[in-house]
Amino acid sequence: MDQLYQITTPHFVVGFCYDTNDQVVFKSAPIIKYLNRWRIEQIAEYCQQKNWLLNLVSEKGELKWL
């Protein structure tokens, strides 16, 4: 199952796709491409350290890929 997350920072808002089967990020905005292959726990901790807001936007059943 895929999940779409959003990270909100003071300077930008970005999104990434998380694969719950492999438990890693598999697609992200270019500015955060270094997060690819990270686990959600790592990202949550990183966002907390940076004072960034992490939100789950939707899950695969709700997503419509173009």
Protein backbone atom coordinates (compact mmCIF):
# COMPACT_ATOMS: atom_id res chain seq x y z
CA MET A 1 0.00 0.00 0.00
CA ASP A 2 1.22 3.51 -0.78
CA GLN A 3 0.81 6.58 1.38
CA LEU A 4 1.24 10.21 0.39
CA TYR A 5 2.86 12.47 2.98
CA GLN A 6 3.38 16.22 3.11
CA ILE A 7 6.19 18.08 4.85
CA THR A 8 5.61 21.74 5.68
CA THR A 9 8.59 23.93 6.50
CA PRO A 10 8.99 27.70 6.85
CA HIS A 11 10.45 27.84 3.32
CA PHE A 12 8.71 25.13 1.30
CA VAL A 13 5.97 22.49 1.20
CA VAL A 14 6.79 19.12 -0.37
CA GLY A 15 5.41 15.64 -0.70
CA PHE A 16 6.66 12.09 -0.84
CA CYS A 17 5.25 8.63 -1.44
CA TYR A 18 5.81 5.91 1.12
CA ASP A 19 5.55 2.18 0.38
CA THR A 20 4.10 0.46 3.46
CA ASN A 21 5.13 -2.98 2.15
CA ASP A 22 8.82 -2.12 1.72
CA GLN A 23 8.55 0.51 4.48
CA VAL A 24 10.57 3.14 2.61
CA VAL A 25 10.08 6.33 0.63
CA PHE A 26 10.07 5.52 -3.09
CA LYS A 27 9.26 8.90 -4.66
CA SER A 28 9.81 12.43 -3.40
CA ALA A 29 10.10 16.05 -4.44
CA PRO A 30 13.59 16.88 -5.76
CA ILE A 31 14.43 19.12 -2.80
CA ILE A 32 14.07 16.16 -0.41
CA LYS A 33 15.32 13.36 -2.67
CA TYR A 34 17.84 12.44 0.04
CA LEU A 35 14.88 10.99 1.97
CA ASN A 36 14.37 8.26 -0.65
CA ARG A 37 14.80 4.82 0.93
CA TRP A 38 14.28 6.26 4.46
CA ARG A 39 11.79 4.66 6.85
CA ILE A 40 8.90 6.75 8.17
CA GLU A 41 10.30 6.65 11.72
CA GLN A 42 13.55 8.22 10.49
CA ILE A 43 11.66 10.91 8.62
CA ALA A 44 9.42 11.70 11.59
CA GLU A 45 12.45 12.09 13.85
CA TYR A 46 14.27 14.22 11.26
CA CYS A 47 11.22 16.48 10.81
CA GLN A 48 10.88 16.88 14.57
CA GLN A 49 14.55 17.91 14.87
CA LYS A 50 14.06 20.49 12.09
CA ASN A 51 10.70 21.69 13.53
CA TRP A 52 8.99 20.66 10.30
CA LEU A 53 5.40 19.44 10.18
CA LEU A 54 4.79 15.93 8.79
CA ASN A 55 1.27 14.94 7.72
CA LEU A 56 -0.26 11.87 6.13
CA VAL A 57 -2.33 13.19 3.22
CA SER A 58 -3.87 9.99 1.83
CA GLU A 59 -3.48 6.29 1.26
CA LYS A 60 -3.40 4.38 -2.02
CA GLY A 61 -7.12 3.75 -2.17
CA GLU A 62 -7.62 7.50 -2.15
CA LEU A 63 -4.81 8.35 -4.59
CA LYS A 64 -5.30 8.74 -8.31
CA TRP A 65 -1.99 8.44 -10.14
CA LEU A 66 -1.75 10.27 -13.45
